[in-house]
Every structure is written in C-alpha cells, then in structure tokens.
Amino acid sequence: MDTQQSDLVERLRAALTHEPSTTEGEMQGGVSFLVRDEVVAVVRPRGDLLVSVDPSRFAELATRAGAAPAESDGRAMGPSWISVAEDDLGREAQLHFWVEVALEHNAHTTGS
C-alpha cells in the first residue's frame, strides 16, 4: 500500500469512528470498510474510493467531480457503485460527502 492509499485509509477510518459496527477487510486488493456487515466503501489499490450508493441516486452522483461508474476488471459494477478519483478526495468535505452518501444507503439497506 502506498502512502496516498494509506492516508486515505486513515482518513476513512477516522470518518467512520462514530459507527460502532465498523469492520475492515480486504476486497479487490484494497481495504474495505463495512458497517452493519455491509460494504460501504473500499480504498482501492490505485487510490480511488469505491462507494456503495443508492441506485436511485446513481445518475445524479455519477456526474459529481471525480465520480464515475465503478468498474471491476473492465466490467461495470452496476448502479450501486461509484468510483471517486483520489484527486477529488483531497478536502475533508469531499470525503465526508461520500461517506454520508454511503452511510445513508447502508442505513436504508440494513434497516437501521
């Protein structure tokens, strides 16, 4: 894991400290963060952030700066996943926005 990827992992970890059910694991060679046993985000090896989103917000969210439909091995992952470029996560407000989007979707899908 390179320094920028490590920094993003630490920032995401800090952003999720208020979620008592947060766990970490490995996914697609990156570091995944789960809340209530569901993946909310993954810091990928190339430094981008994979975010779990409400499919009904996909079109809106995919147009934000640095956001794009997520892919895995060259294939679209579907409307529940957005990839956010590392360069567009430099400010805390930017990371916080995506964390809140993911947690909102997580609360809806887990019933919490």
N, C-alpha and C. Protein backbone atom coordinates (compact mmCIF):
# COMPACT_ATOMS: atom_id res chain seq x y z
N MET A 1 0.85 -1.17 0.00
CA MET A 1 0.00 0.00 0.00
C MET A 1 0.90 1.23 0.00
N ASP A 2 0.62 2.15 -0.94
CA ASP A 2 1.45 3.35 -1.00
C ASP A 2 0.97 4.39 0.02
N THR A 3 1.72 5.47 0.14
CA THR A 3 1.45 6.49 1.16
C THR A 3 0.09 7.14 0.97
N GLN A 4 -0.25 7.50 -0.28
CA GLN A 4 -1.54 8.15 -0.53
C GLN A 4 -2.69 7.21 -0.20
N GLN A 5 -2.55 5.95 -0.55
CA GLN A 5 -3.59 4.97 -0.24
C GLN A 5 -3.70 4.81 1.27
N SER A 6 -2.57 4.74 1.96
CA SER A 6 -2.57 4.63 3.43
C SER A 6 -3.23 5.84 4.07
N ASP A 7 -2.94 7.03 3.53
CA ASP A 7 -3.55 8.25 4.06
C ASP A 7 -5.07 8.21 3.90
N LEU A 8 -5.55 7.76 2.74
CA LEU A 8 -6.99 7.68 2.52
C LEU A 8 -7.63 6.65 3.44
N VAL A 9 -6.97 5.53 3.66
CA VAL A 9 -7.48 4.53 4.60
C VAL A 9 -7.62 5.14 5.99
N GLU A 10 -6.61 5.87 6.43
CA GLU A 10 -6.66 6.50 7.76
C GLU A 10 -7.77 7.54 7.84
N ARG A 11 -7.93 8.33 6.80
CA ARG A 11 -8.98 9.35 6.78
C ARG A 11 -10.37 8.71 6.81
N LEU A 12 -10.53 7.64 6.05
CA LEU A 12 -11.82 6.95 6.03
C LEU A 12 -12.09 6.28 7.37
N ARG A 13 -11.08 5.69 7.95
CA ARG A 13 -11.20 5.08 9.28
C ARG A 13 -11.66 6.13 10.29
N ALA A 14 -11.06 7.31 10.25
CA ALA A 14 -11.43 8.39 11.17
C ALA A 14 -12.85 8.86 10.91
N ALA A 15 -13.26 8.92 9.65
CA ALA A 15 -14.61 9.37 9.31
C ALA A 15 -15.68 8.40 9.78
N LEU A 16 -15.30 7.15 9.99
CA LEU A 16 -16.27 6.13 10.40
C LEU A 16 -16.19 5.77 11.88
N THR A 17 -15.39 6.50 12.66
CA THR A 17 -15.23 6.15 14.08
C THR A 17 -16.53 6.22 14.85
N HIS A 18 -17.48 7.03 14.41
CA HIS A 18 -18.76 7.15 15.12
C HIS A 18 -19.70 5.98 14.83
N GLU A 19 -19.31 5.09 13.92
CA GLU A 19 -20.12 3.92 13.59
C GLU A 19 -19.56 2.72 14.36
N PRO A 20 -20.21 2.33 15.46
CA PRO A 20 -19.65 1.27 16.31
C PRO A 20 -19.53 -0.10 15.64
N SER A 21 -20.29 -0.33 14.58
CA SER A 21 -20.26 -1.64 13.95
C SER A 21 -19.29 -1.72 12.78
N THR A 22 -18.40 -0.74 12.64
CA THR A 22 -17.47 -0.71 11.51
C THR A 22 -16.41 -1.80 11.64
N THR A 23 -16.21 -2.52 10.55
CA THR A 23 -15.13 -3.50 10.47
C THR A 23 -14.38 -3.25 9.16
N GLU A 24 -13.19 -3.80 9.08
CA GLU A 24 -12.36 -3.65 7.89
C GLU A 24 -11.99 -5.02 7.36
N GLY A 25 -11.77 -5.07 6.07
CA GLY A 25 -11.35 -6.32 5.44
C GLY A 25 -10.67 -6.03 4.13
N GLU A 26 -10.42 -7.07 3.35
CA GLU A 26 -9.81 -6.91 2.05
C GLU A 26 -10.86 -7.18 0.99
N MET A 27 -10.85 -6.33 -0.06
CA MET A 27 -11.75 -6.52 -1.19
C MET A 27 -11.07 -5.97 -2.42
N GLN A 28 -10.98 -6.77 -3.45
CA GLN A 28 -10.38 -6.37 -4.72
C GLN A 28 -8.97 -5.81 -4.52
N GLY A 29 -8.23 -6.35 -3.58
CA GLY A 29 -6.87 -5.91 -3.33
C GLY A 29 -6.77 -4.62 -2.55
N GLY A 30 -7.90 -4.08 -2.12
CA GLY A 30 -7.91 -2.85 -1.36
C GLY A 30 -8.41 -3.09 0.06
N VAL A 31 -8.66 -2.01 0.76
CA VAL A 31 -9.15 -2.09 2.14
C VAL A 31 -10.63 -1.72 2.13
N SER A 32 -11.47 -2.66 2.55
CA SER A 32 -12.91 -2.42 2.58
C SER A 32 -13.35 -2.04 3.98
N PHE A 33 -14.39 -1.22 4.03
CA PHE A 33 -14.98 -0.80 5.28
C PHE A 33 -16.44 -1.22 5.27
N LEU A 34 -16.81 -1.98 6.29
CA LEU A 34 -18.17 -2.48 6.41
C LEU A 34 -18.83 -1.85 7.62
N VAL A 35 -20.10 -1.50 7.48
CA VAL A 35 -20.92 -1.01 8.58
C VAL A 35 -22.15 -1.90 8.61
N ARG A 36 -22.45 -2.43 9.77
CA ARG A 36 -23.56 -3.39 9.93
C ARG A 36 -23.44 -4.52 8.91
N ASP A 37 -22.21 -5.02 8.76
CA ASP A 37 -21.89 -6.16 7.90
C ASP A 37 -22.11 -5.94 6.41
N GLU A 38 -22.22 -4.69 5.97
CA GLU A 38 -22.36 -4.37 4.55
C GLU A 38 -21.24 -3.42 4.14
N VAL A 39 -20.66 -3.67 2.98
CA VAL A 39 -19.59 -2.80 2.48
C VAL A 39 -20.15 -1.42 2.18
N VAL A 40 -19.50 -0.39 2.74
CA VAL A 40 -19.88 0.99 2.43
C VAL A 40 -18.86 1.65 1.51
N ALA A 41 -17.59 1.26 1.63
CA ALA A 41 -16.55 1.86 0.80
C ALA A 41 -15.32 0.97 0.77
N VAL A 42 -14.55 1.13 -0.30
CA VAL A 42 -13.30 0.39 -0.47
C VAL A 42 -12.24 1.35 -1.00
N VAL A 43 -11.10 1.41 -0.31
CA VAL A 43 -9.96 2.15 -0.83
C VAL A 43 -9.22 1.17 -1.73
N ARG A 44 -9.26 1.44 -3.02
CA ARG A 44 -8.70 0.51 -3.99
C ARG A 44 -7.19 0.71 -4.15
N PRO A 45 -6.49 -0.30 -4.66
CA PRO A 45 -5.03 -0.21 -4.79
C PRO A 45 -4.55 0.98 -5.62
N ARG A 46 -5.32 1.39 -6.60
CA ARG A 46 -4.88 2.52 -7.43
C ARG A 46 -5.21 3.86 -6.79
N GLY A 47 -5.84 3.83 -5.59
CA GLY A 47 -6.06 5.05 -4.82
C GLY A 47 -7.44 5.65 -4.91
N ASP A 48 -8.29 5.12 -5.79
CA ASP A 48 -9.64 5.66 -5.86
C ASP A 48 -10.49 5.05 -4.75
N LEU A 49 -11.65 5.65 -4.52
CA LEU A 49 -12.56 5.18 -3.49
C LEU A 49 -13.79 4.61 -4.15
N LEU A 50 -14.09 3.37 -3.86
CA LEU A 50 -15.29 2.69 -4.34
C LEU A 50 -16.36 2.91 -3.27
N VAL A 51 -17.50 3.48 -3.67
CA VAL A 51 -18.54 3.85 -2.71
C VAL A 51 -19.85 3.15 -3.06
N SER A 52 -20.47 2.54 -2.05
CA SER A 52 -21.78 1.93 -2.22
C SER A 52 -22.84 3.03 -2.15
N VAL A 53 -23.69 3.10 -3.18
CA VAL A 53 -24.68 4.17 -3.25
C VAL A 53 -26.07 3.62 -3.54
N ASP A 54 -27.06 4.43 -3.23
CA ASP A 54 -28.44 4.11 -3.57
C ASP A 54 -28.58 4.15 -5.09
N PRO A 55 -28.99 3.06 -5.72
CA PRO A 55 -29.11 3.06 -7.18
C PRO A 55 -30.01 4.17 -7.72
N SER A 56 -30.99 4.61 -6.93
CA SER A 56 -31.87 5.68 -7.40
C SER A 56 -31.13 7.03 -7.50
N ARG A 57 -29.96 7.15 -6.87
CA ARG A 57 -29.16 8.38 -6.93
C ARG A 57 -27.97 8.25 -7.87
N PHE A 58 -27.83 7.10 -8.50
CA PHE A 58 -26.65 6.83 -9.32
C PHE A 58 -26.41 7.89 -10.38
N ALA A 59 -27.41 8.23 -11.17
CA ALA A 59 -27.24 9.20 -12.27
C ALA A 59 -26.78 10.55 -11.73
N GLU A 60 -27.39 10.98 -10.64
CA GLU A 60 -27.02 12.26 -10.01
C GLU A 60 -25.58 12.22 -9.50
N LEU A 61 -25.23 11.16 -8.78
CA LEU A 61 -23.91 11.07 -8.15
C LEU A 61 -22.78 10.87 -9.16
N ALA A 62 -23.06 10.17 -10.23
CA ALA A 62 -22.03 9.88 -11.24
C ALA A 62 -21.58 11.14 -11.98
N THR A 63 -22.33 12.24 -11.85
CA THR A 63 -21.95 13.48 -12.53
C THR A 63 -21.11 14.39 -11.65
N ARG A 64 -20.90 14.03 -10.40
CA ARG A 64 -20.09 14.87 -9.49
C ARG A 64 -18.62 14.81 -9.91
N ALA A 65 -17.89 15.85 -9.57
CA ALA A 65 -16.46 15.92 -9.90
C ALA A 65 -15.72 14.69 -9.38
N GLY A 66 -14.98 14.04 -10.26
CA GLY A 66 -14.16 12.89 -9.89
C GLY A 66 -14.90 11.58 -9.81
N ALA A 67 -16.22 11.61 -9.95
CA ALA A 67 -17.03 10.39 -9.82
C ALA A 67 -17.24 9.75 -11.19
N ALA A 68 -17.34 8.43 -11.17
CA ALA A 68 -17.59 7.68 -12.40
C ALA A 68 -18.23 6.35 -12.03
N PRO A 69 -18.98 5.77 -12.96
CA PRO A 69 -19.50 4.43 -12.70
C PRO A 69 -18.32 3.49 -12.40
N ALA A 70 -18.46 2.70 -11.36
CA ALA A 70 -17.36 1.82 -10.96
C ALA A 70 -17.25 0.63 -11.90
N GLU A 71 -16.00 0.21 -12.09
CA GLU A 71 -15.71 -0.96 -12.90
C GLU A 71 -14.81 -1.90 -12.12
N SER A 72 -14.92 -3.17 -12.46
CA SER A 72 -14.04 -4.19 -11.90
C SER A 72 -13.62 -5.08 -13.06
N ASP A 73 -12.33 -5.19 -13.28
CA ASP A 73 -11.80 -5.96 -14.40
C ASP A 73 -12.41 -5.54 -15.73
N GLY A 74 -12.63 -4.22 -15.89
CA GLY A 74 -13.15 -3.69 -17.14
C GLY A 74 -14.65 -3.82 -17.33
N ARG A 75 -15.33 -4.33 -16.32
CA ARG A 75 -16.79 -4.51 -16.42
C ARG A 75 -17.50 -3.61 -15.42
N ALA A 76 -18.61 -3.03 -15.85
CA ALA A 76 -19.39 -2.16 -14.99
C ALA A 76 -19.89 -2.94 -13.77
N MET A 77 -19.84 -2.31 -12.61
CA MET A 77 -20.29 -2.95 -11.38
C MET A 77 -21.77 -2.70 -11.10
N GLY A 78 -22.40 -1.86 -11.91
CA GLY A 78 -23.83 -1.61 -11.74
C GLY A 78 -24.11 -0.33 -10.98
N PRO A 79 -25.39 0.02 -10.86
CA PRO A 79 -25.78 1.32 -10.31
C PRO A 79 -25.67 1.45 -8.79
N SER A 80 -25.12 0.48 -8.13
CA SER A 80 -24.92 0.59 -6.68
C SER A 80 -23.51 1.00 -6.31
N TRP A 81 -22.65 1.23 -7.32
CA TRP A 81 -21.25 1.52 -7.04
C TRP A 81 -20.74 2.68 -7.87
N ILE A 82 -20.10 3.61 -7.18
CA ILE A 82 -19.46 4.77 -7.80
C ILE A 82 -17.97 4.73 -7.43
N SER A 83 -17.13 5.06 -8.39
CA SER A 83 -15.70 5.21 -8.12
C SER A 83 -15.39 6.70 -8.07
N VAL A 84 -14.68 7.11 -7.02
CA VAL A 84 -14.31 8.51 -6.86
C VAL A 84 -12.79 8.61 -6.94
N ALA A 85 -12.32 9.45 -7.85
CA ALA A 85 -10.88 9.62 -8.05
C ALA A 85 -10.22 10.19 -6.80
N GLU A 86 -9.05 9.69 -6.51
CA GLU A 86 -8.28 10.12 -5.35
C GLU A 86 -8.08 11.63 -5.33
N ASP A 87 -7.83 12.22 -6.48
CA ASP A 87 -7.60 13.67 -6.57
C ASP A 87 -8.81 14.48 -6.12
N ASP A 88 -9.98 13.88 -6.16
CA ASP A 88 -11.20 14.59 -5.76
C ASP A 88 -11.63 14.26 -4.34
N LEU A 89 -10.70 13.77 -3.56
CA LEU A 89 -10.97 13.46 -2.15
C LEU A 89 -10.00 14.20 -1.23
N GLY A 90 -9.33 15.20 -1.77
CA GLY A 90 -8.30 15.92 -1.02
C GLY A 90 -8.81 16.69 0.18
N ARG A 91 -9.98 17.27 0.06
CA ARG A 91 -10.54 18.03 1.18
C ARG A 91 -11.43 17.13 2.02
N GLU A 92 -11.47 17.40 3.31
CA GLU A 92 -12.30 16.58 4.21
C GLU A 92 -13.77 16.64 3.83
N ALA A 93 -14.22 17.81 3.37
CA ALA A 93 -15.63 17.95 2.97
C ALA A 93 -15.97 17.01 1.82
N GLN A 94 -15.02 16.81 0.91
CA GLN A 94 -15.26 15.90 -0.21
C GLN A 94 -15.40 14.46 0.28
N LEU A 95 -14.49 14.03 1.13
CA LEU A 95 -14.58 12.67 1.67
C LEU A 95 -15.84 12.52 2.51
N HIS A 96 -16.14 13.51 3.33
CA HIS A 96 -17.33 13.47 4.19
C HIS A 96 -18.60 13.30 3.36
N PHE A 97 -18.69 14.01 2.24
CA PHE A 97 -19.86 13.88 1.37
C PHE A 97 -20.08 12.42 0.98
N TRP A 98 -19.02 11.76 0.49
CA TRP A 98 -19.16 10.38 0.03
C TRP A 98 -19.41 9.41 1.17
N VAL A 99 -18.82 9.66 2.32
CA VAL A 99 -19.10 8.81 3.49
C VAL A 99 -20.57 8.91 3.86
N GLU A 100 -21.11 10.11 3.86
CA GLU A 100 -22.53 10.29 4.20
C GLU A 100 -23.44 9.62 3.17
N VAL A 101 -23.10 9.72 1.90
CA VAL A 101 -23.88 9.03 0.86
C VAL A 101 -23.89 7.53 1.12
N ALA A 102 -22.73 6.97 1.41
CA ALA A 102 -22.62 5.53 1.65
C ALA A 102 -23.38 5.12 2.91
N LEU A 103 -23.26 5.91 3.97
CA LEU A 103 -23.95 5.56 5.23
C LEU A 103 -25.46 5.69 5.10
N GLU A 104 -25.92 6.66 4.33
CA GLU A 104 -27.35 6.79 4.08
C GLU A 104 -27.88 5.55 3.37
N HIS A 105 -27.16 5.12 2.35
CA HIS A 105 -27.56 3.90 1.63
C HIS A 105 -27.49 2.68 2.55
N ASN A 106 -26.44 2.61 3.35
CA ASN A 106 -26.28 1.49 4.29
C ASN A 106 -27.45 1.43 5.27
N ALA A 107 -27.84 2.56 5.82
CA ALA A 107 -28.96 2.58 6.77
C ALA A 107 -30.24 2.10 6.11
N HIS A 108 -30.44 2.45 4.87
CA HIS A 108 -31.63 2.03 4.14
C HIS A 108 -31.61 0.52 3.87
N THR A 109 -30.46 0.01 3.44
CA THR A 109 -30.38 -1.42 3.09
C THR A 109 -30.34 -2.34 4.30
N THR A 110 -29.84 -1.85 5.42
CA THR A 110 -29.75 -2.70 6.61
C THR A 110 -30.95 -2.48 7.54
N GLY A 111 -31.78 -1.50 7.22
CA GLY A 111 -32.93 -1.24 8.07
C GLY A 111 -32.59 -0.55 9.37
N SER A 112 -31.43 0.07 9.45
CA SER A 112 -31.00 0.72 10.70
C SER A 112 -31.18 2.22 10.63
